[in-house]
Protein backbone atom coordinates (compact mmCIF):
# COMPACT_ATOMS: atom_id res chain seq x y z
CA MET A 1 -75.44 61.41 -10.93
CA SER A 2 -72.94 61.23 -8.14
CA LEU A 3 -73.56 57.49 -7.83
CA VAL A 4 -72.98 56.96 -11.55
CA ARG A 5 -69.69 58.89 -11.41
CA ARG A 6 -68.27 56.95 -8.38
CA THR A 7 -68.91 53.47 -9.78
CA PRO A 8 -66.14 53.50 -12.47
CA VAL A 9 -63.60 54.80 -9.95
CA ALA A 10 -64.24 51.96 -7.50
CA ALA A 11 -64.02 49.41 -10.26
CA VAL A 12 -60.71 50.78 -11.42
CA ALA A 13 -59.32 50.69 -7.86
CA VAL A 14 -60.31 47.05 -7.36
CA ALA A 15 -58.84 46.04 -10.70
CA THR A 16 -55.56 47.77 -9.87
CA LEU A 17 -55.35 45.97 -6.51
CA VAL A 18 -56.00 42.57 -8.10
CA LEU A 19 -53.36 43.19 -10.79
CA ALA A 20 -50.73 44.13 -8.18
CA LEU A 21 -51.48 41.02 -6.17
CA VAL A 22 -51.16 38.73 -9.22
CA THR A 23 -47.87 40.38 -10.20
CA THR A 24 -46.44 39.81 -6.70
CA LEU A 25 -47.44 36.15 -6.70
CA VAL A 26 -45.93 35.52 -10.13
CA ALA A 27 -42.63 37.18 -9.16
CA SER A 28 -42.32 35.28 -5.90
CA GLY A 29 -43.05 31.99 -7.66
CA ALA A 30 -40.41 32.64 -10.28
CA SER A 31 -37.74 33.45 -7.70
CA ALA A 32 -38.57 30.37 -5.63
CA ALA A 33 -38.34 27.97 -8.58
CA PRO A 34 -34.50 27.91 -8.82
CA GLN A 35 -34.24 27.40 -5.06
CA ARG A 36 -36.64 24.45 -5.26
CA ARG A 37 -34.55 22.99 -8.08
CA VAL A 38 -31.34 23.36 -6.01
CA VAL A 39 -32.96 21.72 -2.97
CA LYS A 40 -34.32 18.86 -5.08
CA ALA A 41 -30.94 18.37 -6.77
CA HIS A 42 -29.19 18.30 -3.41
CA GLN A 43 -31.74 15.81 -2.01
CA ALA A 44 -31.34 13.59 -5.09
CA GLN A 45 -27.52 13.71 -4.79
CA LYS A 46 -27.67 12.89 -1.10
CA SER A 47 -30.07 9.97 -1.73
CA THR A 48 -27.75 8.59 -4.43
CA GLN A 49 -24.74 8.78 -2.12
CA GLN A 50 -26.61 7.04 0.70
CA LYS A 51 -27.58 4.21 -1.65
CA ALA A 52 -23.99 3.85 -2.88
CA GLY A 53 -22.55 3.94 0.64
CA VAL A 54 -20.17 6.79 -0.17
CA SER A 55 -18.59 8.83 2.60
CA ALA A 56 -18.35 12.59 2.10
CA ARG A 57 -17.14 15.79 3.67
CA TRP A 58 -17.49 19.50 2.93
CA VAL A 59 -14.74 21.79 1.67
CA SER A 60 -14.77 25.30 0.25
CA GLY A 61 -16.16 25.80 -3.26
CA VAL A 62 -19.43 25.24 -5.09
CA THR A 63 -21.42 22.20 -6.18
CA ARG A 64 -20.55 20.26 -9.28
CA SER A 65 -23.60 21.80 -11.01
CA GLY A 66 -22.15 25.28 -10.36
CA GLN A 67 -25.08 26.41 -8.17
CA PRO A 68 -24.83 27.58 -4.56
CA LYS A 69 -25.87 25.24 -1.78
CA ALA A 70 -29.35 25.71 -0.33
CA ARG A 71 -28.34 24.45 3.12
CA PRO A 72 -28.09 27.35 5.64
CA GLN A 73 -24.71 26.29 7.10
CA LEU A 74 -23.08 26.56 3.68
CA ARG A 75 -23.84 30.24 3.08
CA ARG A 76 -20.44 31.42 4.29
CA SER A 77 -18.27 31.10 1.18
CA GLY A 78 -20.02 28.36 -0.75
CA ALA A 79 -18.98 24.71 -0.73
CA ARG A 80 -18.70 21.68 -2.91
CA LEU A 81 -19.17 18.02 -2.02
CA ILE A 82 -16.10 15.77 -2.41
CA THR A 83 -16.64 12.02 -2.17
CA PHE A 84 -14.02 9.38 -1.32
CA ARG A 85 -15.16 6.44 -3.43
CA ASP A 86 -11.84 4.64 -3.03
CA ARG A 87 -11.59 4.99 0.75
CA VAL A 88 -11.32 1.55 2.36
CA VAL A 89 -10.60 1.38 6.08
CA GLY A 90 -10.43 -1.39 8.66
CA GLY A 91 -7.34 -3.19 7.39
CA GLN A 92 -5.66 -5.46 9.93
CA PRO A 93 -2.07 -6.74 9.71
CA VAL A 94 -1.66 -10.32 8.59
CA LEU A 95 1.87 -10.53 10.01
CA SER A 96 2.40 -8.50 13.15
CA TYR A 97 4.10 -10.74 15.74
CA ARG A 98 7.38 -9.24 14.45
CA GLY A 99 8.43 -6.49 12.05
CA ALA A 100 7.96 -7.17 8.32
CA ALA A 101 9.26 -4.07 6.53
CA ASP A 102 9.32 -3.86 2.71
CA PRO A 103 7.75 -7.30 2.25
CA THR A 104 8.00 -9.35 -0.93
CA VAL A 105 5.53 -12.23 -1.14
CA ALA A 106 5.42 -15.10 -3.65
CA ARG A 107 3.21 -18.13 -4.05
CA TYR A 108 4.76 -21.60 -4.28
CA THR A 109 3.50 -25.18 -4.07
CA GLY A 110 3.38 -25.12 -0.27
CA GLY A 111 1.53 -21.80 0.09
CA TRP A 112 3.04 -18.34 0.35
CA VAL A 113 6.47 -17.18 1.50
CA ALA A 114 7.43 -13.64 2.54
CA VAL A 115 10.87 -12.03 2.76
CA SER A 116 11.39 -8.70 4.52
CA THR A 117 14.13 -6.20 5.36
CA GLY A 118 16.56 -7.26 8.07
CA PRO A 119 19.63 -9.34 8.93
CA GLY A 120 19.86 -12.35 6.64
CA ALA A 121 16.58 -11.41 4.86
CA PRO A 122 14.01 -12.71 7.40
CA ARG A 123 11.39 -15.12 6.06
CA ALA A 124 7.96 -16.42 7.02
CA ALA A 125 5.61 -18.92 5.38
CA ALA A 126 1.84 -19.37 5.42
CA PRO A 127 -0.85 -21.53 3.77
CA SER A 128 -2.75 -18.40 2.64
CA PRO A 129 -2.08 -14.66 2.26
CA GLY A 130 -3.92 -14.05 5.51
CA GLY A 131 -1.80 -16.55 7.41
CA PRO A 132 -1.20 -17.90 9.86
CA TRP A 133 2.39 -16.82 9.19
CA GLN A 134 5.25 -18.62 10.89
CA ASN A 135 8.96 -17.86 10.86
CA ILE A 136 11.31 -20.03 8.82
CA PRO A 137 15.13 -19.67 8.60
CA SER A 138 16.44 -16.51 6.95
CA ALA A 139 16.97 -16.60 3.18
CA LEU A 140 20.61 -15.45 2.98
CA THR A 141 22.84 -17.26 5.44
CA THR A 142 25.94 -16.46 3.33
CA GLN A 143 26.85 -13.17 1.69
CA PRO A 144 28.88 -12.23 -1.38
CA SER A 145 32.45 -11.06 -0.87
CA TRP A 146 31.62 -7.46 -1.84
CA ALA A 147 28.91 -7.09 0.84
CA LEU A 148 30.13 -5.42 4.04
CA THR A 149 27.34 -6.74 6.27
CA GLY A 150 24.46 -9.20 6.16
CA ARG A 151 21.79 -6.49 6.50
CA TYR A 152 19.62 -6.76 3.40
CA TRP A 153 17.02 -4.19 2.36
CA ALA A 154 13.78 -4.54 0.38
CA SER A 155 14.41 -7.82 -1.43
CA ASP A 156 12.31 -9.25 -4.27
CA LEU A 157 11.41 -12.93 -4.56
CA VAL A 158 10.46 -14.35 -7.98
CA GLN A 159 10.62 -17.58 -9.95
CA VAL A 160 12.29 -17.44 -13.39
CA ASN A 161 12.51 -20.53 -15.61
CA GLY A 162 11.89 -22.83 -12.67
CA ILE A 163 14.64 -21.31 -10.47
CA TRP A 164 13.86 -19.09 -7.51
CA LEU A 165 15.69 -15.75 -7.52
CA LEU A 166 16.09 -13.36 -4.63
CA TYR A 167 17.18 -9.85 -5.60
CA PHE A 168 18.65 -7.93 -2.66
CA SER A 169 20.64 -4.79 -1.80
CA ALA A 170 23.65 -4.93 0.49
CA GLU A 171 26.17 -2.41 1.84
CA VAL A 172 29.36 -1.97 -0.15
CA ALA A 173 32.57 0.02 0.30
CA GLY A 174 33.26 3.17 -1.71
CA LEU A 175 29.74 4.66 -1.66
CA GLY A 176 29.65 6.32 1.75
CA LEU A 177 27.30 5.64 4.65
CA ASP A 178 24.68 2.99 3.80
CA GLY A 179 25.76 2.98 0.13
CA ARG A 180 24.45 -0.20 -1.46
CA CYS A 181 24.60 -2.37 -4.54
CA ILE A 182 22.11 -4.94 -5.87
CA GLY A 183 22.86 -8.63 -6.11
CA VAL A 184 20.93 -11.83 -6.82
CA ALA A 185 20.83 -15.23 -5.13
CA THR A 186 19.34 -18.53 -6.30
CA ALA A 187 17.58 -21.55 -4.80
CA THR A 188 15.49 -24.47 -6.06
CA ASP A 189 12.87 -23.91 -3.35
CA PRO A 190 11.88 -20.53 -1.84
CA THR A 191 12.03 -21.97 1.68
CA GLN A 192 15.61 -23.22 1.29
CA ALA A 193 18.84 -21.25 1.75
CA PHE A 194 19.73 -18.97 -1.18
CA VAL A 195 23.24 -18.85 -2.64
CA PRO A 196 24.29 -15.36 -3.87
CA ASP A 197 26.09 -14.78 -7.16
CA GLU A 198 29.55 -13.30 -6.70
CA ARG A 199 29.04 -10.68 -9.40
CA PRO A 200 26.73 -7.79 -8.46
CA LEU A 201 23.82 -7.04 -10.76
CA VAL A 202 23.67 -3.24 -10.36
CA CYS A 203 26.55 -1.28 -8.81
CA PRO A 204 28.08 2.15 -9.56
CA ARG A 205 31.61 2.27 -10.95
CA GLN A 206 33.09 3.90 -7.81
CA ALA A 207 32.03 0.99 -5.56
CA VAL A 208 34.60 -1.51 -4.33
CA SER A 209 33.17 -4.60 -5.98
CA PRO A 210 33.52 -6.79 -9.08
CA ARG A 211 32.40 -5.19 -12.32
CA ALA A 212 28.59 -5.09 -12.29
CA TYR A 213 26.15 -5.98 -15.03
CA ASP A 214 24.69 -2.43 -14.87
CA ARG A 215 27.16 0.30 -13.82
CA ILE A 216 24.66 3.19 -14.22
CA LYS A 217 26.68 5.02 -16.88
CA ARG A 218 23.90 7.36 -18.00
CA ARG A 219 23.22 9.08 -14.71
CA ASP A 220 22.74 12.87 -15.08
CA LYS A 221 25.21 15.28 -13.49
CA GLY A 222 22.54 16.62 -11.13
CA MET A 223 21.89 13.18 -9.62
CA PRO A 224 23.71 11.92 -6.50
CA LYS A 225 26.48 9.41 -7.09
CA GLY A 226 25.24 7.10 -4.37
CA GLY A 227 24.19 3.48 -4.36
CA VAL A 228 21.09 1.60 -5.47
CA ILE A 229 18.31 -0.17 -3.52
CA ASP A 230 14.78 -1.62 -3.84
CA PRO A 231 15.16 -4.14 -6.71
CA ASP A 232 12.00 -5.51 -8.31
CA TYR A 233 11.64 -7.98 -11.18
CA PHE A 234 9.11 -7.31 -13.97
CA ARG A 235 8.26 -9.74 -16.76
CA ASP A 236 6.62 -8.21 -19.82
CA ARG A 237 4.49 -10.00 -22.37
CA GLY A 238 6.61 -12.37 -24.39
CA GLY A 239 8.68 -13.27 -21.33
CA LYS A 240 11.20 -10.41 -21.47
CA GLY A 241 12.49 -9.63 -17.97
CA TYR A 242 13.53 -6.29 -16.48
CA LEU A 243 14.82 -5.08 -13.12
CA LEU A 244 13.46 -1.90 -11.54
CA TYR A 245 15.37 -0.14 -8.77
CA ARG A 246 15.86 3.17 -6.97
CA THR A 247 18.97 5.37 -6.87
CA GLN A 248 19.90 6.47 -3.35
CA GLY A 249 19.92 10.11 -2.25
CA THR A 250 17.76 13.03 -3.37
CA PRO A 251 16.79 13.81 -6.01
CA SER A 252 15.95 10.13 -6.33
CA SER A 253 14.96 8.22 -9.43
CA ILE A 254 13.47 4.93 -10.59
CA ARG A 255 15.54 3.14 -13.23
CA MET A 256 15.08 -0.02 -15.27
CA VAL A 257 17.53 -2.42 -16.92
CA ALA A 258 16.82 -5.33 -19.28
CA LEU A 259 17.90 -8.73 -17.95
CA PRO A 260 19.18 -11.93 -19.56
CA PRO A 261 16.58 -14.71 -19.92
CA ASP A 262 17.62 -16.35 -16.64
CA GLY A 263 17.43 -13.05 -14.70
CA ARG A 264 21.09 -13.22 -13.62
CA PRO A 265 24.07 -11.03 -14.58
CA GLY A 266 26.10 -13.70 -16.35
CA GLY A 267 29.10 -12.31 -18.23
CA GLY A 268 27.45 -9.53 -20.21
CA SER A 269 26.49 -5.94 -19.43
CA GLU A 270 23.59 -3.59 -20.05
CA ARG A 271 22.75 0.09 -19.62
CA SER A 272 19.75 1.13 -17.59
CA THR A 273 17.15 3.81 -18.36
CA GLU A 274 15.66 6.39 -16.01
CA LEU A 275 11.86 6.15 -15.82
CA VAL A 276 10.81 8.62 -13.10
CA ARG A 277 12.63 11.27 -11.10
CA ARG A 278 11.51 13.20 -8.03
CA GLY A 279 13.15 15.93 -5.99
CA ALA A 280 12.24 14.16 -2.76
CA VAL A 281 12.14 10.42 -2.04
CA ILE A 282 10.59 7.99 -4.51
CA GLU A 283 11.33 4.30 -3.94
CA ASN A 284 10.08 0.68 -3.84
CA PRO A 285 9.09 0.35 -7.51
CA THR A 286 6.88 -2.53 -8.60
CA MET A 287 5.06 -2.89 -11.91
CA ILE A 288 2.14 -4.69 -13.56
CA ARG A 289 0.76 -4.58 -17.09
CA ARG A 290 -2.98 -4.16 -17.63
CA GLY A 291 -3.98 -4.30 -21.29
CA LYS A 292 -2.00 -1.59 -23.07
CA GLN A 293 -1.18 0.22 -19.83
CA TYR A 294 1.90 -0.25 -17.68
CA VAL A 295 1.08 0.54 -14.05
CA LEU A 296 4.02 1.56 -11.84
CA LEU A 297 3.63 1.61 -8.05
CA THR A 298 6.11 3.49 -5.85
CA SER A 299 6.45 4.75 -2.28
CA GLU A 300 6.94 8.44 -1.56
CA GLY A 301 7.89 10.43 1.52
CA GLU A 302 9.78 9.68 4.72
CA PHE A 303 9.17 6.02 5.60
CA GLY A 304 9.28 6.66 9.35
CA GLU A 305 6.27 9.01 9.22
CA CYS A 306 2.56 8.36 8.81
CA ARG A 307 2.58 10.58 5.70
CA TYR A 308 4.50 7.89 3.80
CA LYS A 309 2.26 6.59 1.01
CA THR A 310 1.95 4.34 -2.02
CA THR A 311 1.43 6.07 -5.37
CA TYR A 312 0.88 4.93 -8.95
CA ARG A 313 1.56 6.10 -12.50
CA ARG A 314 0.39 4.77 -15.87
CA SER A 315 2.00 4.75 -19.29
CA THR A 316 1.43 3.03 -22.62
CA ARG A 317 5.20 2.94 -23.23
CA LEU A 318 7.49 0.96 -20.97
CA THR A 319 10.44 3.33 -21.23
CA ASP A 320 8.60 6.70 -21.48
CA TRP A 321 6.81 8.04 -18.40
CA SER A 322 7.14 11.73 -19.22
CA ARG A 323 3.37 12.21 -19.58
CA SER A 324 2.33 10.02 -16.67
CA LYS A 325 0.40 11.58 -13.81
CA ARG A 326 0.77 10.53 -10.21
CA GLY A 327 -2.18 9.14 -8.26
CA VAL A 328 -2.41 7.95 -4.67
CA LEU A 329 -3.27 4.29 -4.17
CA VAL A 330 -3.15 4.09 -0.38
CA ASP A 331 -2.25 6.65 2.28
CA THR A 332 -3.39 7.56 5.77
CA ARG A 333 -6.50 9.41 4.56
CA LYS A 334 -7.70 6.55 2.39
CA SER A 335 -6.85 3.71 4.75
CA GLY A 336 -6.52 5.00 8.31
CA LEU A 337 -3.09 3.33 8.45
CA CYS A 338 0.21 4.96 9.44
CA GLY A 339 2.71 5.15 6.57
CA PRO A 340 1.44 2.47 4.17
CA GLY A 341 4.32 1.77 1.76
CA GLY A 342 7.05 -0.62 0.66
CA ALA A 343 4.52 -2.38 -1.59
CA ASP A 344 4.94 -5.54 -3.64
CA LEU A 345 2.51 -6.93 -6.23
CA GLY A 346 1.48 -10.57 -6.12
CA ARG A 347 -1.31 -13.03 -6.89
CA GLY A 348 -4.07 -14.38 -4.69
CA PRO A 349 -5.51 -17.91 -4.38
CA SER A 350 -7.53 -17.50 -7.61
CA GLY A 351 -4.86 -15.58 -9.48
CA GLU A 352 -6.36 -12.19 -8.65
CA PRO A 353 -3.93 -9.25 -8.33
CA MET A 354 -2.91 -8.48 -4.77
CA ILE A 355 -0.75 -5.97 -2.98
CA PHE A 356 1.39 -6.57 0.11
CA PHE A 357 2.77 -3.60 2.02
CA HIS A 358 3.85 -2.46 5.47
CA ALA A 359 2.44 0.13 7.86
CA TRP A 360 3.43 1.22 11.35
CA THR A 361 1.63 -0.51 14.22
CA CYS A 362 2.11 0.24 17.92
CA PRO A 363 1.64 -2.86 20.11
CA GLU A 364 1.67 -0.75 23.27
CA LEU A 365 -1.39 1.09 21.95
CA GLY A 366 -3.07 -2.03 20.61
CA GLY A 367 -3.36 -0.89 16.99
CA ASN A 368 -2.20 1.65 14.40
CA CYS A 369 0.37 4.25 15.37
CA PRO A 370 -0.73 7.90 15.67
CA GLY A 371 0.73 10.60 13.44
CA GLY A 372 3.12 13.37 14.38
CA GLN A 373 6.26 11.27 14.98
CA ASN A 374 9.07 9.66 13.03
CA TYR A 375 8.98 6.08 14.25
CA ASP A 376 12.28 5.23 12.57
CA ARG A 377 14.06 7.82 14.74
CA GLU A 378 11.95 7.67 17.90
CA ASN A 379 11.37 4.46 19.79
CA ALA A 380 7.75 5.13 20.76
CA TYR A 381 4.95 2.70 21.70
CA GLY A 382 7.02 -0.30 20.57
CA ALA A 383 6.38 0.74 16.95
CA GLN A 384 7.12 -1.73 14.18
CA ARG A 385 6.27 -2.12 10.50
CA SER A 386 3.70 -4.90 10.13
CA MET A 387 2.57 -6.54 6.88
CA PHE A 388 -0.86 -5.93 5.33
CA ALA A 389 -2.45 -7.63 2.33
CA ALA A 390 -5.28 -6.51 0.04
CA SER A 391 -6.88 -7.45 -3.25
CA LEU A 392 -6.77 -4.90 -6.08
CA ARG A 393 -9.32 -3.74 -8.62
CA PHE A 394 -8.72 -1.58 -11.69
CA THR A 395 -10.87 1.09 -13.28
CA GLY A 396 -11.64 1.29 -16.99
CA ARG A 397 -8.48 3.36 -17.43
CA GLN A 398 -6.48 0.82 -15.39
CA ALA A 399 -6.09 2.98 -12.29
CA PRO A 400 -5.49 0.64 -9.32
CA LYS A 401 -7.76 0.74 -6.26
CA ILE A 402 -7.90 -1.21 -3.02
CA ALA A 403 -10.80 -3.66 -3.36
CA ALA A 404 -10.70 -5.25 0.10
CA TYR A 405 -8.20 -6.01 2.82
CA VAL A 406 -7.31 -9.60 3.64
CA ALA A 407 -8.42 -10.61 7.12
CA PRO A 408 -5.66 -12.12 9.26
CA VAL A 409 -5.84 -15.82 10.00
CA LEU A 410 -4.65 -16.45 13.53
CA PRO A 411 -2.86 -19.66 14.45
CA PRO A 412 -4.97 -22.21 16.35
CA PRO A 413 -4.73 -21.94 20.12
CA PRO A 414 -2.43 -24.43 21.83
CA PRO A 415 -4.14 -27.55 23.17
CA PRO A 416 -5.19 -27.28 26.81
CA THR A 417 -2.71 -28.68 29.27
CA THR A 418 -4.09 -31.33 31.61
CA PRO A 419 -2.28 -32.26 34.80
CA PRO A 420 -0.83 -35.77 34.85
CA PRO A 421 -3.05 -38.32 36.62
CA THR A 422 -2.24 -38.86 40.27
CA THR A 423 -1.76 -42.45 41.49
CA PRO A 424 -2.28 -43.44 45.12
CA PRO A 425 0.85 -44.45 47.02
CA PRO A 426 1.52 -48.16 47.02
CA THR A 427 0.41 -50.09 50.09
CA ASP A 428 2.65 -52.37 52.16
CA PRO A 429 1.56 -55.94 51.62
CA THR A 430 2.70 -56.90 55.14
CA SER A 431 0.47 -54.33 56.83
CA THR A 432 -2.96 -55.33 58.09
CA VAL A 433 -6.12 -53.29 58.19
CA LYS A 434 -8.07 -53.52 61.41
CA PRO A 435 -11.82 -53.88 61.02
CA ARG A 436 -13.91 -50.91 62.18
CA PRO A 437 -15.96 -51.70 65.26
CA ARG A 438 -19.73 -51.88 64.73
CA GLY A 439 -22.41 -50.05 66.64
CA ARG A 440 -20.45 -46.89 67.31
């Protein structure tokens, strides 16, 4: 009887043990399933990025799926993966044998011509955007009577109705130190000398100059009463032309004024409209239309520093940018360049949109300048602003991106120099040559 009584007890004990073991296995499997899903998701994301060639780095946060990372080194405070899909590095200057600040580049029948900031508006010409670029005489050998000096900033070169126009800014009296007004000069060929119009195009009322086409009458009380710089011509659909420019001082603003059909001041007048304002520096406006979107490029920051950058805004209305959001087109992080700015929009060999801009290069270091200095105020490493060129692409929402940098085309090496042939000295016909004795 004792054996019969012990048998049910043993069976119950075994069954209890088996049930506990099954429960433990089920619980551990359920808890491991989410971790396996996280690991698989991370591996799939990493494989996708490797196939797309996308660079990445880790910053604080969580993943886009909202789940914590399974990698051990990310257990501190969580992290999320940020990718730089528009990061394009390796750009080389196409014009670097001299400074080429604030370049404007236009295509003509002989190739491309570039005008930059400097005395007389320095020029260079090339058969292609990549070069080889060679100096040609400066664009403005004469200056209007209202200009104090021949130092011209950030010009814009464009062809309107078969005539080449060069918009420029020059120093003028009555506006304080470096106060400037905007004028225009004309030529039949972009490589010839330009002749400036005597009447300024944009100039505040307090300047000592002839009455300007745009006197900036609608400037707010909180804005500085300084000069104007950085002119840029924009032609909208239908052929209507406008001039964009920046007001000097901070806060600074980007304004726009409608132009006559020939792009010159003539005898009329017009009031400009403020498009964008910023408490710090915003300058170098240039614009393109893509479908229903107007895309405005500007430079922001201190131009002597590597933090200087090129930004963009988009709007469906030409005169209303109140809802536009700023994006960064090219800066140090995206390009590896020092202070990429002063941009100008142009066209490539096949009509593709291109951008030309400057960045600081240091010849004494053999490449780009390092950060941490203001190269406009400190003469370090022989720093200069060299010209870069790149093709542009646009997203579905017409946000501009750098597609690829233009490789510089170097000039052919000079032909090797060969020494002139040497001729033996002439012999005296009266002299005789004695025969050499034989046998010795």
